[in-house]
Structures are given as C-alpha cells and as structure tokens.
Amino acid sequence: MDIHQLVTFKHVIESGSFTKAAAALFLTQPAVSHQIRSLEEELGQRLLDRDRRPFRLTYAGEVFYEYVKRVLNLVEESKAALNDMKTGERGRVTVGAIGTTAVYVLPDFLYEFRMARPNVQVVLLTVGGEEIKDMVMTNEVDLGIVGSHIATPELETIPLFEDQILPLVHPEHPCAVSGRVALADLAQEPFIQFGGWKSWKNYVLSMFEEIGATPQELFQVDSIEAVKRLVERGLGFTIVPAVAAKEEITAGTLVPVYLTDIPPHSRKILLIYRKDKYLTAAIRVFIEAMVSKLGSVQSAGVGKDSDE
C-alpha cells in the first residue's frame, strides 16, 4: 500500500467514477482499476461493490475511506508544516541566556516574537556565561546570549547592545544629589553583592582591585531583586547592570552614581552560535528579530567587558 493508491481510492469514491478519477489523476482507467484491486488484495477485503451501478462502498470500504481521508489530511498538514518551516513560520529555537538579560530584557522581545510567530517554539534557559558557551559548542542550545566577547574561533558573535555597569545607592545617600562619588569612598560603606554567578562576582571585585580596595560585604545575595530591595532600605550600596534597575532608577527608588576614580564600565551583550551550525529558517528569523529589537536597548558608557 502506498500513498498513490490511497489518493486514487479517494478520487474514485468522491467522483463516483473510475473514468473521472482517471482523468483527474492523468491515469488510464485500467490503471485506476488495477490500483483498487491491489488495495483490496492487500487488505483482504472488498472495498467496492461493483455489482451495482453505480458502484457502492462495502462496509469495509466505508471504514477504510474514513481512515484514508484522515491519512491524506495528515499528509497535507505535514506538507504545510514543512513549508512553514522553510519560511520560518514554524520551528523550534533553544536559547541560553545570562540572568539579567533573560529577566529584564527578553520578556518583552519574546512576547512580541510569539505574537508575530505563534508556531515557533522558543525554549529559554537561564545559566551563566561560561556554561552558555559550552552549551552552544556542544549544540545543547542553538543560540547563546552572553555578557562578554568569548574569543573562541568556532563561535559567531553578534553584538546586541551595551549595558552600563553602575553603582546604586538609596535616595537619601549623601552622594545621591551630586550623582558622583569615588569608588574608594564607597568601599568604606557596606556593600551588597549580587553573588548569583561566580564570574559576575569576580568582575565586580576586579573593579575594586583597580583602586586597591576591598569592599565591606554586608550581604551576598543570589537574587538581584533582593539586592535592590536591600539597597532601597538603605542597608548599603551595590553595583549591577543598569538594565536590571531601569524601573527603580526611573521611579527614583534607586539612584545611580558615577565613579570619579575609575573609568566607566560597561559590558557588551552578545548573541553567539557555532559558525558551522546549520541555521533553520526559524532560527534565522529569530536572530533577525532579536538584532532588530534589542539593538535599540542601548546604555551609555564604555569600558571593560564582563561576563555573568
């Protein structure tokens, strides 16, 4: 039994004529009769009662016809699905992203992408930058979003945006009005460190090392949200990516300050994937949409890159 026999059987039933079915399929009438007989022999059942004019379906033929319609409908659906995959209307994209980008940047983008491409499944994993690199290299994820350039020849990198790294204080802090302070002075105050990712912690500590200072850690918290709430209560200061505190800065519950004794720091947010990876249409569409959308998420300042 093959798909051509099923198509022929369906045409015969729906046209009510071997001759009409043959004409529609560009076959001879004997060829159509042969296909129907072959089906009956393979199934061990008569599908058509040819003793009547016009012919009628036997009970076995009625049952078989219902399944044939379902099978052929599924074939058409599969063709449509594959065609959608060619155009990027359907498919699957797996993405590994650093925490702050996954939490504070991607939700709006993913919502808009889902509205535009509802049949493209996006799987998002939130992990650290080095782990993301490894997952991209081993094809555990299609794409990675990291917080620094990873100098690996096998990886393609696409800049998305640049995020400024800023100290944050509560509105009643002495330097909140001027918005400027020396890191050496801040280092004398309680420091609330985001310790969710080792590489991020090391990066922030390297800022203090530039001036030969050691921060007085009061809290080390694995949640940036918790870090921000502690700073809002006046329990200390912190250093975080500006994109993670955009709402609080706008609302005035946290105040960014600019350091006078070290250059401005920022990190580049990059999209990465294997250079030798086959990019499906869905992945290509996802990349194009992300570059277009996130390219507008800019934060002033230049300096050392970091990885989260």
Protein backbone atom coordinates (compact mmCIF):
# COMPACT_ATOMS: atom_id res chain seq x y z
CA MET A 1 0.00 0.00 0.00
CA ASP A 2 1.35 3.41 -0.91
CA ILE A 3 0.12 6.97 -0.84
CA HIS A 4 -0.74 6.95 -4.56
CA GLN A 5 -3.20 4.09 -4.04
CA LEU A 6 -4.90 5.99 -1.24
CA VAL A 7 -5.18 9.12 -3.39
CA THR A 8 -6.64 7.06 -6.23
CA PHE A 9 -9.14 5.36 -3.92
CA LYS A 10 -10.28 8.73 -2.53
CA HIS A 11 -10.73 10.18 -6.03
CA VAL A 12 -12.77 7.17 -7.14
CA ILE A 13 -15.10 7.46 -4.15
CA GLU A 14 -15.53 11.24 -4.33
CA SER A 15 -16.01 11.36 -8.11
CA GLY A 16 -18.22 8.27 -8.16
CA SER A 17 -16.46 7.07 -11.32
CA PHE A 18 -13.30 5.22 -12.30
CA THR A 19 -13.22 7.19 -15.53
CA LYS A 20 -13.48 10.58 -13.83
CA ALA A 21 -10.86 9.61 -11.26
CA ALA A 22 -8.50 8.51 -14.02
CA ALA A 23 -8.95 11.81 -15.84
CA ALA A 24 -8.31 13.85 -12.69
CA LEU A 25 -5.16 11.86 -11.91
CA PHE A 26 -3.93 11.72 -15.54
CA LEU A 27 -4.07 7.92 -15.48
CA THR A 28 -5.78 5.36 -17.66
CA GLN A 29 -8.96 3.75 -16.42
CA PRO A 30 -7.32 0.29 -16.32
CA ALA A 31 -4.50 1.75 -14.16
CA VAL A 32 -7.04 3.06 -11.67
CA SER A 33 -8.88 -0.30 -11.60
CA HIS A 34 -5.56 -2.07 -11.02
CA GLN A 35 -4.72 0.14 -8.02
CA ILE A 36 -8.10 -0.50 -6.42
CA ARG A 37 -7.80 -4.26 -6.92
CA SER A 38 -4.29 -4.20 -5.47
CA LEU A 39 -5.61 -2.43 -2.37
CA GLU A 40 -8.38 -4.99 -1.94
CA GLU A 41 -5.93 -7.88 -2.33
CA GLU A 42 -3.53 -6.39 0.22
CA LEU A 43 -6.31 -5.66 2.72
CA GLY A 44 -8.08 -8.95 2.12
CA GLN A 45 -11.40 -7.11 1.87
CA ARG A 46 -13.64 -5.93 -0.92
CA LEU A 47 -13.85 -2.15 -0.74
CA LEU A 48 -16.32 -1.59 -3.59
CA ASP A 49 -19.47 -3.39 -4.56
CA ARG A 50 -19.11 -3.40 -8.34
CA ASP A 51 -22.24 -5.49 -8.90
CA ARG A 52 -24.30 -2.34 -8.57
CA ARG A 53 -24.47 0.61 -10.90
CA PRO A 54 -23.20 2.97 -9.79
CA PHE A 55 -20.82 1.07 -7.50
CA ARG A 56 -21.16 1.42 -3.76
CA LEU A 57 -18.75 1.17 -0.87
CA THR A 58 -18.90 -2.03 1.13
CA TYR A 59 -18.92 -1.70 4.91
CA ALA A 60 -15.17 -2.40 4.91
CA GLY A 61 -14.81 0.29 2.23
CA GLU A 62 -16.70 2.81 4.35
CA VAL A 63 -14.42 2.17 7.33
CA PHE A 64 -11.31 2.30 5.14
CA TYR A 65 -12.45 5.51 3.43
CA GLU A 66 -12.70 7.37 6.77
CA TYR A 67 -9.12 6.40 7.59
CA VAL A 68 -7.91 7.31 4.10
CA LYS A 69 -9.32 10.82 4.50
CA ARG A 70 -7.56 11.20 7.84
CA VAL A 71 -4.26 9.92 6.47
CA LEU A 72 -4.34 12.18 3.43
CA ASN A 73 -5.32 15.17 5.55
CA LEU A 74 -2.32 14.50 7.77
CA VAL A 75 -0.09 14.28 4.71
CA GLU A 76 -1.30 17.70 3.58
CA GLU A 77 -0.84 19.09 7.08
CA SER A 78 2.72 17.74 7.18
CA LYS A 79 3.49 19.37 3.85
CA ALA A 80 2.10 22.67 5.11
CA ALA A 81 4.11 22.36 8.32
CA LEU A 82 7.33 21.71 6.42
CA ASN A 83 6.59 24.63 4.12
CA ASP A 84 6.09 26.83 7.19
CA MET A 85 9.47 25.64 8.46
CA LYS A 86 11.04 26.78 5.21
CA THR A 87 9.65 30.28 5.74
CA GLY A 88 10.31 30.41 9.48
CA GLU A 89 6.62 30.32 10.37
CA ARG A 90 7.10 27.09 12.30
CA GLY A 91 10.03 25.57 14.12
CA ARG A 92 11.93 25.42 17.41
CA VAL A 93 14.68 27.63 18.81
CA THR A 94 16.59 26.92 22.03
CA VAL A 95 18.37 29.82 23.72
CA GLY A 96 20.70 30.01 26.71
CA ALA A 97 20.81 33.50 28.26
CA ILE A 98 22.53 35.17 31.19
CA GLY A 99 20.22 36.01 34.06
CA THR A 100 19.84 39.78 33.82
CA THR A 101 19.14 39.70 30.08
CA ALA A 102 16.70 36.80 30.48
CA VAL A 103 14.80 38.55 33.28
CA TYR A 104 14.92 42.23 32.33
CA VAL A 105 15.31 42.36 28.53
CA LEU A 106 13.97 39.22 26.86
CA PRO A 107 10.36 39.06 28.16
CA ASP A 108 9.14 41.96 26.02
CA PHE A 109 11.02 40.67 22.98
CA LEU A 110 9.74 37.11 23.42
CA TYR A 111 6.17 38.36 23.77
CA GLU A 112 6.39 40.32 20.52
CA PHE A 113 8.08 37.40 18.77
CA ARG A 114 5.35 35.00 19.92
CA MET A 115 2.67 37.35 18.63
CA ALA A 116 4.41 37.53 15.24
CA ARG A 117 5.40 33.84 15.03
CA PRO A 118 2.96 31.85 17.19
CA ASN A 119 4.05 28.49 15.77
CA VAL A 120 7.74 28.92 16.54
CA GLN A 121 8.53 27.29 19.87
CA VAL A 122 11.20 29.13 21.87
CA VAL A 123 12.90 27.34 24.77
CA LEU A 124 14.79 29.70 27.12
CA LEU A 125 17.36 28.51 29.65
CA THR A 126 18.93 30.87 32.19
CA VAL A 127 22.53 29.94 33.04
CA GLY A 128 25.94 31.55 33.47
CA GLY A 129 28.02 32.83 30.56
CA GLU A 130 30.70 30.12 30.56
CA GLU A 131 28.06 27.41 30.77
CA ILE A 132 26.22 29.00 27.87
CA LYS A 133 29.38 28.93 25.77
CA ASP A 134 29.81 25.22 26.48
CA MET A 135 26.16 24.51 25.67
CA VAL A 136 26.45 26.33 22.34
CA MET A 137 29.65 24.47 21.49
CA THR A 138 28.03 21.09 22.19
CA ASN A 139 24.76 22.05 20.42
CA GLU A 140 22.71 21.76 23.61
CA VAL A 141 21.25 25.12 22.65
CA ASP A 142 21.01 26.80 19.26
CA LEU A 143 21.90 30.29 20.45
CA GLY A 144 23.55 31.89 23.43
CA ILE A 145 23.31 35.37 24.93
CA VAL A 146 26.37 36.27 26.98
CA GLY A 147 27.76 39.29 28.70
CA SER A 148 31.21 39.45 27.14
CA HIS A 149 33.08 38.57 23.98
CA ILE A 150 34.23 34.97 24.14
CA ALA A 151 37.28 34.58 21.95
CA THR A 152 36.50 31.16 20.54
CA PRO A 153 37.21 30.80 16.80
CA GLU A 154 34.30 28.37 16.35
CA LEU A 155 31.72 30.90 17.57
CA GLU A 156 29.95 33.58 15.57
CA THR A 157 29.23 36.67 17.70
CA ILE A 158 26.64 39.38 17.02
CA PRO A 159 26.58 42.49 19.26
CA LEU A 160 23.10 43.16 20.63
CA PHE A 161 23.54 46.10 22.98
CA GLU A 162 25.88 47.59 25.55
CA ASP A 163 24.87 47.71 29.19
CA GLN A 164 26.41 50.17 31.62
CA ILE A 165 27.62 48.89 34.98
CA LEU A 166 26.61 51.32 37.72
CA PRO A 167 26.81 51.66 41.50
CA LEU A 168 23.37 52.21 43.01
CA VAL A 169 22.52 53.92 46.29
CA HIS A 170 19.27 54.78 48.07
CA PRO A 171 17.82 58.29 47.54
CA GLU A 172 18.95 59.53 50.99
CA HIS A 173 22.59 58.62 50.41
CA PRO A 174 24.96 61.63 50.65
CA CYS A 175 26.16 61.24 47.05
CA ALA A 176 22.66 60.79 45.58
CA VAL A 177 22.28 64.52 44.89
CA SER A 178 25.57 65.07 43.05
CA GLY A 179 25.42 61.64 41.42
CA ARG A 180 29.21 61.34 41.62
CA VAL A 181 31.47 59.58 44.09
CA ALA A 182 34.85 57.87 44.31
CA LEU A 183 34.71 54.08 44.48
CA ALA A 184 37.37 54.30 47.17
CA ASP A 185 34.89 56.18 49.35
CA LEU A 186 32.04 53.78 48.60
CA ALA A 187 34.31 50.88 49.52
CA GLN A 188 34.25 52.14 53.11
CA GLU A 189 30.50 51.52 53.26
CA PRO A 190 28.52 48.27 53.44
CA PHE A 191 28.46 46.56 50.05
CA ILE A 192 25.58 44.35 48.94
CA GLN A 193 26.94 41.94 46.37
CA PHE A 194 24.97 40.02 43.77
CA GLY A 195 26.60 36.60 44.03
CA GLY A 196 24.40 34.59 41.69
CA TRP A 197 27.17 33.97 39.16
CA LYS A 198 30.81 33.49 40.10
CA SER A 199 32.13 35.24 37.01
CA TRP A 200 29.95 38.31 37.72
CA LYS A 201 31.16 38.45 41.32
CA ASN A 202 34.77 38.24 40.16
CA TYR A 203 34.19 41.00 37.63
CA VAL A 204 32.76 43.39 40.24
CA LEU A 205 35.59 42.61 42.65
CA SER A 206 38.07 43.44 39.89
CA MET A 207 36.66 46.98 39.86
CA PHE A 208 37.69 47.39 43.48
CA GLU A 209 41.09 45.86 42.72
CA GLU A 210 41.70 48.67 40.22
CA ILE A 211 41.94 51.09 43.14
CA GLY A 212 43.45 48.61 45.60
CA ALA A 213 40.35 48.47 47.78
CA THR A 214 38.39 45.64 49.37
CA PRO A 215 34.60 46.07 49.67
CA GLN A 216 32.96 45.60 53.04
CA GLU A 217 30.42 42.96 52.07
CA LEU A 218 27.37 43.15 54.30
CA PHE A 219 25.23 40.77 52.25
CA GLN A 220 25.89 38.41 49.36
CA VAL A 221 22.57 37.61 47.72
CA ASP A 222 21.73 35.29 44.81
CA SER A 223 18.83 37.47 43.61
CA ILE A 224 19.23 40.89 42.01
CA GLU A 225 15.67 41.71 43.10
CA ALA A 226 16.66 41.06 46.71
CA VAL A 227 19.84 43.12 46.25
CA LYS A 228 17.80 46.10 45.02
CA ARG A 229 15.32 45.86 47.89
CA LEU A 230 18.16 45.88 50.45
CA VAL A 231 19.72 48.96 48.85
CA GLU A 232 16.33 50.70 48.78
CA ARG A 233 16.15 50.16 52.56
CA GLY A 234 19.46 51.98 52.97
CA LEU A 235 21.42 48.92 54.08
CA GLY A 236 24.30 49.56 51.69
CA PHE A 237 25.20 50.14 48.05
CA THR A 238 25.54 47.73 45.16
CA ILE A 239 26.94 47.50 41.63
CA VAL A 240 24.69 45.97 38.97
CA PRO A 241 23.97 46.20 35.23
CA ALA A 242 21.88 49.31 34.56
CA VAL A 243 19.32 47.28 32.61
CA ALA A 244 18.49 45.35 35.80
CA ALA A 245 17.48 48.51 37.68
CA LYS A 246 15.81 50.53 34.94
CA GLU A 247 12.40 50.64 36.66
CA GLU A 248 13.82 51.59 40.07
CA ILE A 249 16.03 54.31 38.58
CA THR A 250 13.06 55.74 36.69
CA ALA A 251 10.91 55.62 39.83
CA GLY A 252 13.66 57.26 41.90
CA THR A 253 13.82 54.48 44.49
CA LEU A 254 17.42 53.78 43.48
CA VAL A 255 19.94 56.38 42.36
CA PRO A 256 22.84 55.63 40.01
CA VAL A 257 26.15 57.30 40.78
CA TYR A 258 29.14 57.77 38.51
CA LEU A 259 32.61 56.90 39.74
CA THR A 260 35.30 59.55 39.69
CA ASP A 261 38.36 57.39 40.33
CA ILE A 262 37.96 54.68 37.64
CA PRO A 263 36.75 54.81 34.03
CA PRO A 264 33.11 54.00 33.23
CA HIS A 265 32.44 50.29 32.98
CA SER A 266 30.06 48.56 30.60
CA ARG A 267 29.56 45.14 29.11
CA LYS A 268 28.60 44.10 25.62
CA ILE A 269 25.69 41.73 25.35
CA LEU A 270 26.37 39.32 22.50
CA LEU A 271 24.41 36.69 20.61
CA ILE A 272 26.59 33.65 19.89
CA TYR A 273 26.27 30.44 17.86
CA ARG A 274 28.56 27.92 16.24
CA LYS A 275 29.98 29.09 12.94
CA ASP A 276 29.41 25.65 11.43
CA LYS A 277 25.84 25.35 12.72
CA TYR A 278 23.03 24.87 10.23
CA LEU A 279 20.56 27.66 10.90
CA THR A 280 16.97 26.70 10.20
CA ALA A 281 14.60 29.34 8.87
CA ALA A 282 13.08 29.68 12.36
CA ILE A 283 16.49 30.33 13.90
CA ARG A 284 17.37 32.86 11.20
CA VAL A 285 14.06 34.68 11.70
CA PHE A 286 14.64 34.67 15.47
CA ILE A 287 18.14 36.15 15.07
CA GLU A 288 16.92 38.87 12.71
CA ALA A 289 14.09 39.82 15.07
CA MET A 290 16.40 39.88 18.10
CA VAL A 291 19.03 42.06 16.43
CA SER A 292 16.32 44.44 15.23
CA LYS A 293 14.60 44.66 18.62
CA LEU A 294 17.49 44.57 21.08
CA GLY A 295 19.67 46.88 19.02
CA SER A 296 17.58 49.70 20.47
CA VAL A 297 18.38 48.69 24.07
CA GLN A 298 21.39 50.94 24.47
CA SER A 299 23.10 52.07 27.63
CA ALA A 300 25.73 54.79 27.67
CA GLY A 301 29.28 54.23 28.78
CA VAL A 302 32.23 52.25 27.56
CA GLY A 303 34.79 50.21 29.40
CA LYS A 304 35.77 46.70 30.34
CA ASP A 305 33.52 43.84 29.27
CA SER A 306 32.27 41.38 31.82
CA ASP A 307 30.59 38.00 31.79
CA GLU A 308 27.76 36.98 34.01
